[in-house]
Amino acid sequence: MKRFWVLSLLLIPFLTVAAQESTPAGLEHWSAASLKQFGQTLNQEAATDPHHLAVKQLSDFPNELFLLGLREADGQVEWHETQVDVFVVQSGSATLLVGGTMVNGETVAPHEKRNGSIQGGIRRKLSAGDIVRIPARVPHQLLLEGSHEFTYFVIKVKGY
C-alpha cells in the first residue's frame, strides 16, 4: 500500500503536465507580436497590389473567418449578403462609409458585391483600438482620407 501512495505522488506531476499540454480543438491565439510580424509582410504585398490592399487569412472555421488586412489607399465599396464584418483596428486611421444604398455594384462571388458607390450612408472615424460591427447586407467602404495606412483584424461571421 505504501508503494501505491509513493508511486501516485510521483505520477501526479506528470499527469498534470499531460493535461495542460492538451490544446482544445479550434483554439486559436494570435499574439500582438505575431500580428505585428504579419503586418510587416503585408506592407510588401500592399505596395504591389493595384488596390493597395494586402490580406492574410489567419483561420477559417465553419461559422467564422479571421483575417488581417492592411490598406494603403481607399477601399472598394463592399456588400456581403451572408456575412457580418467585425473590424478591430490595429493601427492607423480611416473613415468608414456605411449604410445607404450601393449603386452599380458588381457581383464578384456568390453573395458578394464590390465596386460602384454608396448613395447616402454615414461616416465613422476609426482609429487604433476601435471595434466596429457591420451587419450583413449593408454596403461599406474604408476611406483613408490622408492617412498613409490602416491595419485591421477582421472577423467575418458567416451564415446570415
Protein backbone atom coordinates (compact mmCIF):
# COMPACT_ATOMS: atom_id res chain seq x y z
CA MET A 1 0.00 0.00 0.00
CA LYS A 2 2.88 2.33 0.82
CA ARG A 3 4.34 1.73 -2.67
CA PHE A 4 0.99 2.71 -4.23
CA TRP A 5 0.99 6.08 -2.46
CA VAL A 6 4.63 6.79 -3.29
CA LEU A 7 4.05 5.87 -6.93
CA SER A 8 0.89 8.02 -7.01
CA LEU A 9 2.75 11.01 -5.63
CA LEU A 10 5.45 10.58 -8.26
CA LEU A 11 2.95 10.33 -11.13
CA ILE A 12 0.77 13.34 -10.23
CA PRO A 13 3.14 15.97 -11.71
CA PHE A 14 3.30 14.02 -14.99
CA LEU A 15 -0.47 13.74 -15.22
CA THR A 16 -0.85 17.46 -14.56
CA VAL A 17 1.64 18.33 -17.31
CA ALA A 18 -0.08 15.97 -19.75
CA ALA A 19 -3.46 17.57 -19.02
CA GLN A 20 -2.05 21.07 -19.57
CA GLU A 21 -0.44 20.14 -22.89
CA SER A 22 -3.73 19.14 -24.50
CA THR A 23 -4.95 22.01 -26.69
CA PRO A 24 -8.70 22.16 -27.31
CA ALA A 25 -9.68 21.70 -30.96
CA GLY A 26 -10.30 25.05 -32.62
CA LEU A 27 -8.35 27.12 -30.12
CA GLU A 28 -6.53 30.00 -31.84
CA HIS A 29 -4.25 32.60 -30.31
CA TRP A 30 -2.71 35.50 -32.21
CA SER A 31 -0.31 37.45 -30.05
CA ALA A 32 0.34 41.14 -30.56
CA ALA A 33 3.86 40.20 -31.69
CA SER A 34 2.59 37.71 -34.31
CA LEU A 35 0.06 40.22 -35.66
CA LYS A 36 2.82 42.83 -35.91
CA GLN A 37 5.02 40.37 -37.81
CA PHE A 38 2.19 39.51 -40.22
CA GLY A 39 1.60 43.25 -40.68
CA GLN A 40 5.20 43.77 -41.78
CA THR A 41 4.84 41.18 -44.56
CA LEU A 42 1.55 42.80 -45.62
CA ASN A 43 3.39 46.10 -46.25
CA GLN A 44 5.34 44.48 -49.09
CA GLU A 45 2.23 42.94 -50.64
CA ALA A 46 0.13 46.12 -50.45
CA ALA A 47 2.82 48.07 -52.30
CA THR A 48 2.38 45.85 -55.38
CA ASP A 49 -1.40 45.34 -55.23
CA PRO A 50 -3.47 47.51 -57.66
CA HIS A 51 -5.89 48.38 -54.81
CA HIS A 52 -3.03 48.87 -52.31
CA LEU A 53 -4.55 46.16 -50.13
CA ALA A 54 -2.96 43.08 -48.58
CA VAL A 55 -4.84 40.41 -46.64
CA LYS A 56 -3.55 37.44 -44.64
CA GLN A 57 -6.10 34.74 -43.82
CA LEU A 58 -5.36 33.53 -40.31
CA SER A 59 -8.06 30.85 -39.89
CA ASP A 60 -11.28 29.67 -41.50
CA PHE A 61 -13.92 27.88 -39.42
CA PRO A 62 -17.46 26.84 -40.38
CA ASN A 63 -19.03 29.91 -38.71
CA GLU A 64 -16.28 32.50 -38.86
CA LEU A 65 -13.19 33.55 -40.80
CA PHE A 66 -10.24 35.54 -39.39
CA LEU A 67 -8.11 37.92 -41.46
CA LEU A 68 -5.51 40.61 -41.01
CA GLY A 69 -5.78 43.43 -43.54
CA LEU A 70 -3.61 46.38 -44.49
CA ARG A 71 -4.81 49.24 -46.68
CA GLU A 72 -2.62 51.94 -48.17
CA ALA A 73 -5.45 53.52 -50.20
CA ASP A 74 -9.23 53.81 -50.16
CA GLY A 75 -11.05 50.50 -50.35
CA GLN A 76 -13.74 49.45 -52.78
CA VAL A 77 -17.39 49.52 -51.81
CA GLU A 78 -18.32 46.09 -50.43
CA TRP A 79 -21.60 44.31 -49.72
CA HIS A 80 -21.83 40.83 -48.14
CA GLU A 81 -25.20 39.10 -48.25
CA THR A 82 -24.42 36.33 -45.76
CA GLN A 83 -21.53 37.65 -43.63
CA VAL A 84 -21.12 40.18 -40.84
CA ASP A 85 -17.79 42.02 -40.70
CA VAL A 86 -16.18 42.88 -37.38
CA PHE A 87 -13.12 45.16 -37.62
CA VAL A 88 -10.64 45.56 -34.78
CA VAL A 89 -8.38 48.47 -35.72
CA GLN A 90 -4.72 47.71 -35.10
CA SER A 91 -3.05 50.89 -36.39
CA GLY A 92 -3.65 53.96 -38.49
CA SER A 93 -6.96 55.67 -39.09
CA ALA A 94 -9.70 55.62 -41.70
CA THR A 95 -13.24 56.76 -42.27
CA LEU A 96 -15.88 54.06 -42.61
CA LEU A 97 -18.66 54.99 -45.02
CA VAL A 98 -21.50 52.62 -44.13
CA GLY A 99 -25.20 52.20 -44.85
CA GLY A 100 -27.20 53.87 -47.56
CA THR A 101 -27.61 52.20 -50.93
CA MET A 102 -24.99 50.51 -53.10
CA VAL A 103 -25.13 51.91 -56.64
CA ASN A 104 -23.70 50.00 -59.64
CA GLY A 105 -22.16 47.23 -57.52
CA GLU A 106 -20.83 44.21 -59.37
CA THR A 107 -21.28 40.61 -58.24
CA VAL A 108 -17.74 39.28 -57.77
CA ALA A 109 -18.57 35.99 -56.00
CA PRO A 110 -21.68 34.28 -54.66
CA HIS A 111 -23.31 36.60 -52.10
CA GLU A 112 -20.63 39.30 -52.65
CA LYS A 113 -20.72 42.63 -54.45
CA ARG A 114 -17.95 45.21 -54.88
CA ASN A 115 -17.20 48.44 -56.68
CA GLY A 116 -19.77 51.09 -57.51
CA SER A 117 -20.54 53.73 -54.92
CA ILE A 118 -22.62 54.34 -51.83
CA GLN A 119 -25.52 56.75 -52.00
CA GLY A 120 -26.35 58.13 -48.57
CA GLY A 121 -24.77 56.34 -45.64
CA ILE A 122 -22.98 57.70 -42.61
CA ARG A 123 -19.30 58.28 -41.84
CA ARG A 124 -17.50 56.99 -38.76
CA LYS A 125 -13.87 57.81 -37.98
CA LEU A 126 -11.90 54.70 -36.97
CA SER A 127 -8.54 54.61 -35.19
CA ALA A 128 -6.35 52.16 -33.27
CA GLY A 129 -8.29 50.27 -30.62
CA ASP A 130 -11.72 50.82 -32.20
CA ILE A 131 -14.03 47.90 -32.93
CA VAL A 132 -16.90 48.11 -35.40
CA ARG A 133 -19.54 45.55 -36.46
CA ILE A 134 -21.03 45.86 -39.95
CA PRO A 135 -24.24 43.85 -40.43
CA ALA A 136 -24.80 41.62 -43.46
CA ARG A 137 -26.42 43.32 -46.49
CA VAL A 138 -25.05 46.75 -45.53
CA PRO A 139 -22.74 48.49 -48.03
CA HIS A 140 -19.48 49.78 -46.61
CA GLN A 141 -16.20 51.33 -47.71
CA LEU A 142 -12.98 52.31 -45.95
CA LEU A 143 -11.59 55.71 -46.92
CA LEU A 144 -8.09 56.63 -45.79
CA GLU A 145 -8.58 60.39 -46.31
CA GLY A 146 -4.92 61.34 -45.97
CA SER A 147 -3.81 58.52 -43.67
CA HIS A 148 -0.91 56.50 -45.05
CA GLU A 149 -2.07 53.08 -43.91
CA PHE A 150 -4.74 51.28 -41.97
CA THR A 151 -4.21 47.85 -40.39
CA TYR A 152 -7.18 45.91 -39.08
CA PHE A 153 -8.08 42.47 -37.75
CA VAL A 154 -11.25 41.19 -39.44
CA ILE A 155 -13.70 38.61 -38.15
CA LYS A 156 -16.20 37.52 -40.79
CA VAL A 157 -19.19 35.87 -39.13
CA LYS A 158 -20.86 33.54 -41.62
CA GLY A 159 -24.39 32.34 -42.10
CA TYR A 160 -26.64 35.38 -42.04
